[in-house]
């Protein structure tokens, strides 16, 4: 089938945080007066849990005392203050929209991820945007990919997914039958053989439009 849609991941693919997230989480913990929650501990808890509205319940489970929702808000504000789009991201999406439907599928709680889109000025940029906090399950579960494919009204064989995470993006999209382009960057995951193609994040704006024509 011909390619009809391109679906992007958000974090580490189209947008990055300019400061170390561990530092931001430590500062957020200090701001609300709770013991520092390490980024590693939080990351492991986040993988086990499926956050819906906010990260508050996850933080509440990690804190012996203190307000999980207050920490979630402080951390969300810290991320927003340091969130930056990759250069040319918006123009890349608009270029692709001349030929394809373009969607966004991002893991995370609704409040945090929608706040990122507002911060970036991207609320109306995509033809459809799905936050997995709105769903029962997140990536890599097929339900997450089915949600964005349904919103774009395409089949898996008509869409390519562009993301960086081996387990949530590459494995999940390939498992449902989508073509996959893995985004590479210094310090990121190694190239995964399940991806149909690979692209460097620093050149994605220039390289991706031509790269995905192989799936047409």
N, C-alpha and C. Protein backbone atom coordinates (compact mmCIF):
# COMPACT_ATOMS: atom_id res chain seq x y z
N UNK A 1 0.83 -1.20 0.00
CA UNK A 1 0.00 0.00 0.00
C UNK A 1 0.87 1.25 0.00
N UNK A 2 0.35 2.33 -0.56
CA UNK A 2 1.06 3.59 -0.57
C UNK A 2 1.05 4.22 0.81
N UNK A 3 2.10 4.95 1.11
CA UNK A 3 2.20 5.66 2.39
C UNK A 3 1.22 6.82 2.41
N UNK A 4 0.41 6.89 3.47
CA UNK A 4 -0.58 7.96 3.60
C UNK A 4 -0.40 8.80 4.85
N UNK A 5 0.40 8.30 5.80
CA UNK A 5 0.51 9.03 7.06
C UNK A 5 1.90 8.85 7.68
N UNK A 6 2.33 9.90 8.38
CA UNK A 6 3.57 9.89 9.15
C UNK A 6 3.19 10.22 10.60
N UNK A 7 3.64 9.38 11.52
CA UNK A 7 3.34 9.59 12.93
C UNK A 7 4.65 9.78 13.70
N UNK A 8 4.70 10.84 14.50
CA UNK A 8 5.90 11.15 15.27
C UNK A 8 5.73 10.85 16.75
N UNK A 9 6.82 10.46 17.37
CA UNK A 9 6.99 10.54 18.81
C UNK A 9 7.30 12.01 19.14
N UNK A 10 7.18 12.39 20.41
CA UNK A 10 7.47 13.77 20.80
C UNK A 10 8.82 13.92 21.48
N UNK A 11 8.94 13.38 22.69
CA UNK A 11 10.15 13.60 23.49
C UNK A 11 11.37 12.89 22.89
N UNK A 12 12.45 13.65 22.77
CA UNK A 12 13.73 13.21 22.21
C UNK A 12 13.68 13.03 20.70
N UNK A 13 12.51 13.20 20.10
CA UNK A 13 12.37 13.08 18.65
C UNK A 13 12.14 14.45 18.03
N UNK A 14 11.07 15.14 18.42
CA UNK A 14 10.79 16.48 17.89
C UNK A 14 11.09 17.59 18.90
N UNK A 15 11.23 17.23 20.17
CA UNK A 15 11.50 18.24 21.20
C UNK A 15 12.44 17.65 22.24
N UNK A 16 13.28 18.52 22.79
CA UNK A 16 14.27 18.09 23.78
C UNK A 16 14.24 19.05 24.96
N UNK A 17 14.70 18.58 26.09
CA UNK A 17 14.84 19.43 27.28
C UNK A 17 16.30 19.85 27.37
N UNK A 18 16.53 21.14 27.48
CA UNK A 18 17.88 21.68 27.37
C UNK A 18 18.75 21.43 28.60
N UNK A 19 18.12 21.09 29.73
CA UNK A 19 18.88 20.78 30.94
C UNK A 19 18.61 19.34 31.36
N UNK A 20 19.53 18.77 32.10
CA UNK A 20 19.43 17.39 32.54
C UNK A 20 18.16 17.18 33.37
N UNK A 21 17.39 16.17 33.02
CA UNK A 21 16.11 15.93 33.70
C UNK A 21 16.31 15.52 35.16
N UNK A 22 17.41 14.85 35.46
CA UNK A 22 17.68 14.50 36.85
C UNK A 22 17.85 15.75 37.70
N UNK A 23 18.55 16.74 37.15
CA UNK A 23 18.74 18.01 37.85
C UNK A 23 17.40 18.71 38.04
N UNK A 24 16.58 18.72 37.00
CA UNK A 24 15.27 19.37 37.09
C UNK A 24 14.39 18.70 38.13
N UNK A 25 14.43 17.38 38.21
CA UNK A 25 13.61 16.67 39.19
C UNK A 25 14.12 16.94 40.60
N UNK A 26 15.44 17.00 40.77
CA UNK A 26 16.01 17.32 42.09
C UNK A 26 15.60 18.72 42.51
N UNK A 27 15.64 19.67 41.57
CA UNK A 27 15.26 21.05 41.88
C UNK A 27 13.77 21.14 42.20
N UNK A 28 12.96 20.37 41.47
CA UNK A 28 11.52 20.38 41.74
C UNK A 28 11.24 19.80 43.13
N UNK A 29 11.96 18.76 43.52
CA UNK A 29 11.80 18.17 44.85
C UNK A 29 12.14 19.18 45.92
N UNK A 30 13.22 19.92 45.70
CA UNK A 30 13.62 20.95 46.67
C UNK A 30 12.59 22.07 46.74
N UNK A 31 12.04 22.44 45.60
CA UNK A 31 11.06 23.53 45.56
C UNK A 31 9.84 23.24 46.42
N UNK A 32 9.37 21.99 46.38
CA UNK A 32 8.15 21.65 47.14
C UNK A 32 8.47 21.09 48.51
N UNK A 33 9.78 20.99 48.84
CA UNK A 33 10.17 20.58 50.18
C UNK A 33 9.98 19.12 50.48
N UNK A 34 10.27 18.26 49.49
CA UNK A 34 10.17 16.82 49.72
C UNK A 34 11.53 16.20 49.45
N UNK A 35 11.77 14.99 49.97
CA UNK A 35 13.04 14.33 49.69
C UNK A 35 13.25 14.17 48.18
N UNK A 36 14.49 14.29 47.76
CA UNK A 36 14.78 14.20 46.33
C UNK A 36 14.42 12.83 45.77
N UNK A 37 13.65 12.84 44.72
CA UNK A 37 13.32 11.62 44.00
C UNK A 37 14.29 11.51 42.82
N UNK A 38 15.04 10.43 42.76
CA UNK A 38 16.00 10.29 41.67
C UNK A 38 15.29 10.04 40.35
N UNK A 39 15.90 10.51 39.30
CA UNK A 39 15.32 10.31 37.96
C UNK A 39 15.23 8.82 37.63
N UNK A 40 16.22 8.03 38.07
CA UNK A 40 16.21 6.59 37.80
C UNK A 40 15.04 5.91 38.50
N UNK A 41 14.84 6.26 39.78
CA UNK A 41 13.73 5.67 40.53
C UNK A 41 12.39 6.06 39.91
N UNK A 42 12.26 7.34 39.55
CA UNK A 42 11.03 7.79 38.93
C UNK A 42 10.82 7.09 37.58
N UNK A 43 11.89 6.98 36.79
CA UNK A 43 11.77 6.35 35.49
C UNK A 43 11.29 4.91 35.58
N UNK A 44 11.82 4.18 36.55
CA UNK A 44 11.39 2.79 36.74
C UNK A 44 9.92 2.72 37.15
N UNK A 45 9.51 3.63 38.04
CA UNK A 45 8.12 3.66 38.47
C UNK A 45 7.20 4.04 37.32
N UNK A 46 7.65 4.96 36.49
CA UNK A 46 6.85 5.41 35.35
C UNK A 46 6.65 4.28 34.35
N UNK A 47 7.68 3.44 34.20
CA UNK A 47 7.55 2.30 33.28
C UNK A 47 6.54 1.29 33.80
N UNK A 48 6.47 1.14 35.13
CA UNK A 48 5.56 0.15 35.71
C UNK A 48 4.12 0.66 35.73
N UNK A 49 3.94 1.95 35.89
CA UNK A 49 2.60 2.53 36.02
C UNK A 49 2.17 3.17 34.71
N UNK A 50 0.88 3.34 34.55
CA UNK A 50 0.36 4.05 33.40
C UNK A 50 -0.33 5.31 33.91
N UNK A 51 0.37 6.43 33.79
CA UNK A 51 -0.18 7.69 34.31
C UNK A 51 -1.25 8.22 33.37
N UNK A 52 -2.35 8.67 33.94
CA UNK A 52 -3.43 9.20 33.13
C UNK A 52 -3.42 10.73 33.12
N UNK A 53 -3.94 11.37 34.15
CA UNK A 53 -4.02 12.84 34.14
C UNK A 53 -2.68 13.49 34.45
N UNK A 54 -2.01 13.07 35.53
CA UNK A 54 -0.75 13.68 35.95
C UNK A 54 0.20 12.60 36.46
N UNK A 55 1.44 13.04 36.77
CA UNK A 55 2.42 12.15 37.39
C UNK A 55 2.21 12.05 38.90
N UNK A 56 1.24 12.80 39.42
CA UNK A 56 1.04 12.86 40.86
C UNK A 56 0.96 11.53 41.56
N UNK A 57 0.12 10.59 41.09
CA UNK A 57 0.03 9.29 41.76
C UNK A 57 1.35 8.53 41.78
N UNK A 58 2.15 8.66 40.72
CA UNK A 58 3.45 7.99 40.69
C UNK A 58 4.36 8.58 41.76
N UNK A 59 4.43 9.91 41.82
CA UNK A 59 5.27 10.54 42.83
C UNK A 59 4.76 10.25 44.24
N UNK A 60 3.44 10.22 44.41
CA UNK A 60 2.88 9.94 45.74
C UNK A 60 3.32 8.57 46.24
N UNK A 61 3.40 7.60 45.35
CA UNK A 61 3.83 6.26 45.73
C UNK A 61 5.30 6.22 46.11
N UNK A 62 6.09 7.16 45.56
CA UNK A 62 7.53 7.18 45.81
C UNK A 62 7.89 7.97 47.06
N UNK A 63 7.02 8.87 47.48
CA UNK A 63 7.30 9.73 48.62
C UNK A 63 6.78 9.12 49.91
N UNK A 64 7.62 9.07 50.92
CA UNK A 64 7.16 8.63 52.23
C UNK A 64 6.27 9.70 52.86
N UNK A 65 6.55 10.94 52.53
CA UNK A 65 5.71 12.05 52.97
C UNK A 65 5.80 13.16 51.94
N UNK A 66 4.79 14.02 51.88
CA UNK A 66 4.80 15.09 50.89
C UNK A 66 3.70 14.92 49.87
N UNK A 67 3.51 15.95 49.07
CA UNK A 67 2.42 16.03 48.12
C UNK A 67 2.89 15.62 46.73
N UNK A 68 2.42 14.47 46.27
CA UNK A 68 2.81 13.99 44.95
C UNK A 68 2.35 14.90 43.84
N UNK A 69 1.16 15.48 43.98
CA UNK A 69 0.65 16.38 42.94
C UNK A 69 1.46 17.67 42.88
N UNK A 70 1.91 18.16 44.05
CA UNK A 70 2.74 19.37 44.07
C UNK A 70 4.06 19.11 43.37
N UNK A 71 4.65 17.95 43.60
CA UNK A 71 5.90 17.60 42.93
C UNK A 71 5.69 17.44 41.43
N UNK A 72 4.58 16.83 41.06
CA UNK A 72 4.27 16.66 39.64
C UNK A 72 4.17 18.02 38.95
N UNK A 73 3.51 18.97 39.60
CA UNK A 73 3.36 20.30 39.01
C UNK A 73 4.70 21.02 38.91
N UNK A 74 5.51 20.93 39.95
CA UNK A 74 6.81 21.59 39.94
C UNK A 74 7.71 21.00 38.86
N UNK A 75 7.69 19.70 38.71
CA UNK A 75 8.51 19.05 37.69
C UNK A 75 8.00 19.39 36.30
N UNK A 76 6.68 19.42 36.14
CA UNK A 76 6.09 19.80 34.85
C UNK A 76 6.49 21.22 34.46
N UNK A 77 6.47 22.13 35.42
CA UNK A 77 6.85 23.51 35.14
C UNK A 77 8.33 23.62 34.78
N UNK A 78 9.16 22.81 35.45
CA UNK A 78 10.59 22.83 35.15
C UNK A 78 10.86 22.31 33.74
N UNK A 79 10.15 21.25 33.36
CA UNK A 79 10.30 20.72 32.00
C UNK A 79 9.87 21.76 30.98
N UNK A 80 8.73 22.40 31.22
CA UNK A 80 8.21 23.38 30.27
C UNK A 80 9.18 24.55 30.09
N UNK A 81 9.82 24.96 31.18
CA UNK A 81 10.73 26.10 31.12
C UNK A 81 12.00 25.79 30.35
N UNK A 82 12.29 24.51 30.16
CA UNK A 82 13.53 24.11 29.48
C UNK A 82 13.28 23.29 28.22
N UNK A 83 12.04 23.29 27.75
CA UNK A 83 11.67 22.50 26.57
C UNK A 83 11.94 23.29 25.29
N UNK A 84 12.58 22.64 24.34
CA UNK A 84 12.91 23.29 23.08
C UNK A 84 12.59 22.35 21.91
N UNK A 85 12.03 22.88 20.83
CA UNK A 85 11.85 22.04 19.63
C UNK A 85 13.19 21.84 18.95
N UNK A 86 13.35 20.75 18.26
CA UNK A 86 14.55 20.62 17.43
C UNK A 86 14.43 21.65 16.31
N UNK A 87 15.54 22.11 15.82
CA UNK A 87 15.51 23.13 14.79
C UNK A 87 14.76 22.70 13.55
N UNK A 88 13.77 23.48 13.14
CA UNK A 88 13.02 23.19 11.92
C UNK A 88 11.92 22.17 12.08
N UNK A 89 11.59 21.78 13.32
CA UNK A 89 10.57 20.74 13.53
C UNK A 89 9.23 21.13 12.94
N UNK A 90 8.80 22.35 13.18
CA UNK A 90 7.49 22.78 12.69
C UNK A 90 7.45 22.82 11.16
N UNK A 91 8.52 23.29 10.56
CA UNK A 91 8.55 23.32 9.09
C UNK A 91 8.58 21.91 8.51
N UNK A 92 9.21 20.97 9.21
CA UNK A 92 9.22 19.57 8.77
C UNK A 92 7.81 19.02 8.74
N UNK A 93 7.05 19.24 9.82
CA UNK A 93 5.68 18.75 9.87
C UNK A 93 4.85 19.36 8.76
N UNK A 94 4.97 20.66 8.56
CA UNK A 94 4.15 21.32 7.53
C UNK A 94 4.55 20.87 6.13
N UNK A 95 5.82 20.59 5.91
CA UNK A 95 6.25 20.06 4.62
C UNK A 95 5.63 18.69 4.36
N UNK A 96 5.65 17.83 5.38
CA UNK A 96 5.09 16.50 5.23
C UNK A 96 3.58 16.54 5.04
N UNK A 97 2.92 17.53 5.66
CA UNK A 97 1.46 17.63 5.55
C UNK A 97 1.00 18.00 4.14
N UNK A 98 1.93 18.45 3.31
CA UNK A 98 1.57 18.71 1.92
C UNK A 98 1.29 17.41 1.16
N UNK A 99 1.77 16.31 1.71
CA UNK A 99 1.65 15.02 1.02
C UNK A 99 0.97 13.92 1.85
N UNK A 100 1.13 14.03 3.18
CA UNK A 100 0.64 12.97 4.06
C UNK A 100 -0.20 13.57 5.21
N UNK A 101 -0.99 12.72 5.85
CA UNK A 101 -1.54 13.07 7.15
C UNK A 101 -0.41 12.91 8.16
N UNK A 102 -0.33 13.84 9.10
CA UNK A 102 0.78 13.79 10.07
C UNK A 102 0.20 13.77 11.48
N UNK A 103 0.59 12.77 12.25
CA UNK A 103 0.09 12.62 13.60
C UNK A 103 1.19 12.59 14.63
N UNK A 104 0.77 12.67 15.89
CA UNK A 104 1.68 12.60 17.03
C UNK A 104 1.14 11.56 18.00
N UNK A 105 2.02 10.67 18.47
CA UNK A 105 1.66 9.69 19.50
C UNK A 105 2.74 9.74 20.55
N UNK A 106 2.39 10.19 21.75
CA UNK A 106 3.39 10.35 22.80
C UNK A 106 2.92 9.72 24.10
N UNK A 107 3.82 9.00 24.74
CA UNK A 107 3.54 8.44 26.05
C UNK A 107 3.57 9.52 27.11
N UNK A 108 2.72 9.38 28.11
CA UNK A 108 2.77 10.30 29.24
C UNK A 108 1.39 10.74 29.69
N UNK A 109 1.33 11.37 30.87
CA UNK A 109 0.05 11.85 31.39
C UNK A 109 -0.48 13.01 30.57
N UNK A 110 -1.79 13.15 30.55
CA UNK A 110 -2.44 14.14 29.70
C UNK A 110 -1.97 15.57 30.01
N UNK A 111 -1.98 15.93 31.28
CA UNK A 111 -1.66 17.31 31.64
C UNK A 111 -0.24 17.67 31.22
N UNK A 112 0.71 16.80 31.49
CA UNK A 112 2.11 17.09 31.16
C UNK A 112 2.33 17.18 29.66
N UNK A 113 1.79 16.23 28.91
CA UNK A 113 2.07 16.21 27.47
C UNK A 113 1.30 17.30 26.73
N UNK A 114 0.07 17.57 27.14
CA UNK A 114 -0.67 18.69 26.52
C UNK A 114 0.00 20.02 26.85
N UNK A 115 0.58 20.12 28.06
CA UNK A 115 1.29 21.33 28.44
C UNK A 115 2.52 21.52 27.54
N UNK A 116 3.19 20.45 27.19
CA UNK A 116 4.33 20.55 26.28
C UNK A 116 3.90 21.08 24.92
N UNK A 117 2.77 20.59 24.42
CA UNK A 117 2.29 21.07 23.13
C UNK A 117 1.94 22.55 23.18
N UNK A 118 1.33 22.98 24.29
CA UNK A 118 1.03 24.42 24.46
C UNK A 118 2.32 25.24 24.52
N UNK A 119 3.28 24.74 25.27
CA UNK A 119 4.55 25.44 25.42
C UNK A 119 5.25 25.61 24.07
N UNK A 120 5.17 24.58 23.25
CA UNK A 120 5.82 24.61 21.93
C UNK A 120 4.99 25.36 20.89
N UNK A 121 3.73 25.66 21.22
CA UNK A 121 2.84 26.29 20.25
C UNK A 121 2.37 25.33 19.18
N UNK A 122 2.26 24.06 19.54
CA UNK A 122 1.94 23.01 18.57
C UNK A 122 0.55 22.41 18.75
N UNK A 123 -0.34 23.07 19.44
CA UNK A 123 -1.66 22.49 19.70
C UNK A 123 -2.43 22.19 18.41
N UNK A 124 -2.24 22.99 17.38
CA UNK A 124 -2.95 22.75 16.13
C UNK A 124 -2.05 22.31 14.99
N UNK A 125 -0.83 21.91 15.32
CA UNK A 125 0.14 21.61 14.27
C UNK A 125 -0.16 20.29 13.56
N UNK A 126 -0.58 19.28 14.31
CA UNK A 126 -0.75 17.94 13.75
C UNK A 126 -2.20 17.68 13.34
N UNK A 127 -2.36 16.80 12.37
CA UNK A 127 -3.72 16.41 11.97
C UNK A 127 -4.42 15.66 13.10
N UNK A 128 -3.67 14.98 13.93
CA UNK A 128 -4.21 14.31 15.12
C UNK A 128 -3.07 14.12 16.10
N UNK A 129 -3.37 14.26 17.38
CA UNK A 129 -2.38 14.05 18.44
C UNK A 129 -3.00 13.22 19.54
N UNK A 130 -2.37 12.11 19.86
CA UNK A 130 -2.87 11.21 20.90
C UNK A 130 -1.86 11.14 22.04
N UNK A 131 -2.33 11.43 23.25
CA UNK A 131 -1.54 11.29 24.47
C UNK A 131 -1.97 9.99 25.14
N UNK A 132 -1.03 9.13 25.46
CA UNK A 132 -1.44 7.81 25.95
C UNK A 132 -2.13 7.87 27.30
N UNK A 133 -1.98 8.97 28.05
CA UNK A 133 -2.73 9.12 29.29
C UNK A 133 -4.23 9.12 29.06
N UNK A 134 -4.64 9.39 27.82
CA UNK A 134 -6.05 9.37 27.46
C UNK A 134 -6.56 7.95 27.23
N UNK A 135 -5.63 7.00 27.18
CA UNK A 135 -5.96 5.62 26.84
C UNK A 135 -5.77 4.70 28.03
N UNK A 136 -6.22 3.46 27.88
CA UNK A 136 -6.00 2.47 28.94
C UNK A 136 -4.56 2.00 28.98
N UNK A 137 -3.89 2.03 27.82
CA UNK A 137 -2.52 1.55 27.74
C UNK A 137 -1.70 2.49 26.86
N UNK A 138 -0.40 2.53 27.14
CA UNK A 138 0.50 3.35 26.35
C UNK A 138 1.37 2.52 25.43
N UNK A 139 2.23 3.20 24.70
CA UNK A 139 3.22 2.49 23.88
C UNK A 139 4.07 1.61 24.79
N UNK A 140 4.44 0.40 24.40
CA UNK A 140 4.35 -0.18 23.05
C UNK A 140 3.08 -0.99 22.78
N UNK A 141 2.06 -0.90 23.63
CA UNK A 141 0.86 -1.70 23.42
C UNK A 141 0.19 -1.30 22.10
N UNK A 142 -0.31 -2.28 21.36
CA UNK A 142 -0.97 -1.98 20.08
C UNK A 142 -2.10 -0.96 20.20
N UNK A 143 -2.78 -0.94 21.35
CA UNK A 143 -3.90 -0.01 21.52
C UNK A 143 -3.49 1.44 21.30
N UNK A 144 -2.28 1.78 21.71
CA UNK A 144 -1.81 3.16 21.54
C UNK A 144 -1.65 3.49 20.06
N UNK A 145 -1.04 2.59 19.32
CA UNK A 145 -0.83 2.83 17.89
C UNK A 145 -2.16 2.78 17.13
N UNK A 146 -3.04 1.89 17.55
CA UNK A 146 -4.35 1.81 16.91
C UNK A 146 -5.12 3.12 17.08
N UNK A 147 -4.92 3.78 18.22
CA UNK A 147 -5.64 5.03 18.48
C UNK A 147 -5.24 6.13 17.50
N UNK A 148 -3.95 6.28 17.26
CA UNK A 148 -3.53 7.34 16.33
C UNK A 148 -3.83 6.95 14.89
N UNK A 149 -3.71 5.67 14.56
CA UNK A 149 -4.06 5.24 13.20
C UNK A 149 -5.54 5.46 12.94
N UNK A 150 -6.36 5.18 13.94
CA UNK A 150 -7.79 5.41 13.79
C UNK A 150 -8.11 6.88 13.62
N UNK A 151 -7.41 7.74 14.37
CA UNK A 151 -7.65 9.18 14.26
C UNK A 151 -7.27 9.71 12.89
N UNK A 152 -6.25 9.10 12.29
CA UNK A 152 -5.80 9.53 10.96
C UNK A 152 -6.50 8.76 9.84
N UNK A 153 -7.27 7.76 10.21
CA UNK A 153 -8.04 6.94 9.27
C UNK A 153 -7.13 6.25 8.25
N UNK A 154 -6.09 5.59 8.77
CA UNK A 154 -5.18 4.82 7.93
C UNK A 154 -4.93 3.46 8.57
N UNK A 155 -4.47 2.52 7.77
CA UNK A 155 -4.09 1.22 8.28
C UNK A 155 -2.61 1.24 8.67
N UNK A 156 -2.15 0.26 9.45
CA UNK A 156 -0.72 0.22 9.80
C UNK A 156 0.19 0.19 8.58
N UNK A 157 -0.24 -0.50 7.54
CA UNK A 157 0.59 -0.62 6.33
C UNK A 157 0.69 0.69 5.56
N UNK A 158 -0.15 1.66 5.89
CA UNK A 158 -0.15 2.95 5.19
C UNK A 158 0.56 4.04 5.98
N UNK A 159 1.21 3.65 7.09
CA UNK A 159 1.80 4.66 7.96
C UNK A 159 3.23 4.30 8.36
N UNK A 160 4.03 5.33 8.61
CA UNK A 160 5.38 5.16 9.13
C UNK A 160 5.46 5.86 10.47
N UNK A 161 6.14 5.23 11.42
CA UNK A 161 6.31 5.83 12.74
C UNK A 161 7.76 6.28 12.88
N UNK A 162 7.93 7.48 13.44
CA UNK A 162 9.25 8.08 13.60
C UNK A 162 9.48 8.33 15.08
N UNK A 163 10.44 7.61 15.68
CA UNK A 163 10.69 7.76 17.11
C UNK A 163 12.05 7.24 17.49
N UNK A 164 12.41 7.42 18.76
CA UNK A 164 13.76 7.08 19.21
C UNK A 164 13.84 5.85 20.11
N UNK A 165 12.81 5.60 20.91
CA UNK A 165 12.89 4.55 21.91
C UNK A 165 12.78 3.16 21.28
N UNK A 166 13.72 2.30 21.64
CA UNK A 166 13.72 0.94 21.09
C UNK A 166 12.49 0.16 21.54
N UNK A 167 12.19 0.21 22.83
CA UNK A 167 11.11 -0.62 23.35
C UNK A 167 9.73 -0.04 23.09
N UNK A 168 9.55 1.26 23.30
CA UNK A 168 8.20 1.81 23.14
C UNK A 168 7.88 2.19 21.71
N UNK A 169 8.84 2.75 20.99
CA UNK A 169 8.58 3.21 19.63
C UNK A 169 8.86 2.15 18.57
N UNK A 170 10.09 1.69 18.53
CA UNK A 170 10.50 0.77 17.45
C UNK A 170 9.75 -0.56 17.57
N UNK A 171 9.83 -1.19 18.74
CA UNK A 171 9.18 -2.49 18.91
C UNK A 171 7.67 -2.38 18.76
N UNK A 172 7.09 -1.34 19.35
CA UNK A 172 5.64 -1.20 19.30
C UNK A 172 5.11 -0.97 17.90
N UNK A 173 5.72 -0.04 17.18
CA UNK A 173 5.25 0.26 15.83
C UNK A 173 5.49 -0.89 14.87
N UNK A 174 6.67 -1.51 14.96
CA UNK A 174 6.96 -2.65 14.09
C UNK A 174 6.02 -3.81 14.39
N UNK A 175 5.70 -3.98 15.66
CA UNK A 175 4.84 -5.09 16.05
C UNK A 175 3.44 -4.99 15.50
N UNK A 176 2.96 -3.78 15.23
CA UNK A 176 1.61 -3.62 14.71
C UNK A 176 1.60 -3.57 13.18
N UNK A 177 2.80 -3.58 12.57
CA UNK A 177 2.87 -3.62 11.12
C UNK A 177 3.18 -2.30 10.44
N UNK A 178 3.57 -1.28 11.22
CA UNK A 178 3.95 -0.01 10.63
C UNK A 178 5.41 -0.06 10.19
N UNK A 179 5.74 0.72 9.16
CA UNK A 179 7.14 0.96 8.86
C UNK A 179 7.69 1.86 9.96
N UNK A 180 8.99 1.75 10.23
CA UNK A 180 9.57 2.49 11.36
C UNK A 180 10.87 3.16 10.95
N UNK A 181 11.01 4.44 11.33
CA UNK A 181 12.27 5.16 11.19
C UNK A 181 12.75 5.49 12.59
N UNK A 182 13.93 5.00 12.96
CA UNK A 182 14.49 5.27 14.28
C UNK A 182 15.33 6.54 14.24
N UNK A 183 15.08 7.41 15.20
CA UNK A 183 15.82 8.66 15.33
C UNK A 183 17.03 8.43 16.23
N UNK A 184 18.20 8.78 15.74
CA UNK A 184 19.45 8.55 16.47
C UNK A 184 20.05 9.89 16.92
N UNK A 185 20.71 9.87 18.08
CA UNK A 185 21.37 11.07 18.59
C UNK A 185 22.42 10.65 19.61
N UNK A 186 23.39 11.49 19.89
CA UNK A 186 24.43 11.14 20.85
C UNK A 186 23.84 10.81 22.22
N UNK A 187 24.26 9.66 22.76
CA UNK A 187 23.75 9.23 24.05
C UNK A 187 22.43 8.49 23.99
N UNK A 188 21.83 8.39 22.81
CA UNK A 188 20.56 7.71 22.65
C UNK A 188 20.73 6.23 22.38
N UNK A 189 19.64 5.51 22.16
CA UNK A 189 19.72 4.08 21.89
C UNK A 189 20.51 3.78 20.62
N UNK A 190 21.13 2.61 20.60
CA UNK A 190 21.83 2.15 19.40
C UNK A 190 20.82 1.84 18.30
N UNK A 191 21.26 1.86 17.04
CA UNK A 191 20.36 1.49 15.94
C UNK A 191 19.78 0.09 16.17
N UNK A 192 18.48 -0.02 15.97
CA UNK A 192 17.80 -1.29 16.19
C UNK A 192 17.44 -1.91 14.84
N UNK A 193 17.72 -3.20 14.66
CA UNK A 193 17.44 -3.84 13.37
C UNK A 193 15.97 -3.95 13.01
N UNK A 194 15.08 -3.76 13.98
CA UNK A 194 13.66 -3.80 13.67
C UNK A 194 13.18 -2.55 12.95
N UNK A 195 13.97 -1.48 13.00
CA UNK A 195 13.64 -0.27 12.27
C UNK A 195 13.94 -0.46 10.79
N UNK A 196 13.07 0.04 9.94
CA UNK A 196 13.29 -0.06 8.49
C UNK A 196 14.34 0.92 8.00
N UNK A 197 14.52 2.01 8.75
CA UNK A 197 15.51 3.02 8.38
C UNK A 197 15.91 3.79 9.63
N UNK A 198 17.01 4.50 9.54
CA UNK A 198 17.50 5.29 10.66
C UNK A 198 17.84 6.69 10.17
N UNK A 199 17.66 7.68 11.04
CA UNK A 199 17.96 9.07 10.68
C UNK A 199 18.56 9.77 11.88
N UNK A 200 19.55 10.59 11.65
CA UNK A 200 20.14 11.37 12.73
C UNK A 200 19.21 12.54 13.06
N UNK A 201 19.02 12.76 14.37
CA UNK A 201 18.11 13.84 14.77
C UNK A 201 18.57 15.19 14.25
N UNK A 202 19.86 15.41 14.21
CA UNK A 202 20.37 16.72 13.79
C UNK A 202 20.15 16.99 12.31
N UNK A 203 19.84 15.96 11.54
CA UNK A 203 19.59 16.16 10.10
C UNK A 203 18.20 15.68 9.69
N UNK A 204 17.32 15.43 10.66
CA UNK A 204 16.01 14.86 10.34
C UNK A 204 15.18 15.77 9.45
N UNK A 205 15.29 17.07 9.66
CA UNK A 205 14.49 18.01 8.86
C UNK A 205 14.86 17.91 7.39
N UNK A 206 16.15 17.79 7.11
CA UNK A 206 16.60 17.70 5.72
C UNK A 206 16.40 16.30 5.14
N UNK A 207 16.60 15.27 5.95
CA UNK A 207 16.67 13.91 5.43
C UNK A 207 15.36 13.14 5.42
N UNK A 208 14.47 13.40 6.37
CA UNK A 208 13.29 12.54 6.51
C UNK A 208 12.35 12.57 5.31
N UNK A 209 12.03 13.75 4.74
CA UNK A 209 11.07 13.73 3.62
C UNK A 209 11.49 12.82 2.47
N UNK A 210 12.76 12.83 2.13
CA UNK A 210 13.22 11.94 1.06
C UNK A 210 13.32 10.50 1.54
N UNK A 211 13.73 10.32 2.80
CA UNK A 211 13.92 8.97 3.34
C UNK A 211 12.63 8.17 3.30
N UNK A 212 11.52 8.78 3.66
CA UNK A 212 10.28 8.02 3.76
C UNK A 212 9.63 7.75 2.41
N UNK A 213 10.16 8.33 1.35
CA UNK A 213 9.58 8.02 0.03
C UNK A 213 9.79 6.55 -0.33
N UNK A 214 10.73 5.89 0.35
CA UNK A 214 10.94 4.46 0.08
C UNK A 214 9.74 3.63 0.50
N UNK A 215 8.87 4.19 1.35
CA UNK A 215 7.70 3.47 1.81
C UNK A 215 6.48 3.75 0.96
N UNK A 216 6.58 4.65 -0.01
CA UNK A 216 5.47 4.97 -0.90
C UNK A 216 5.18 3.80 -1.84
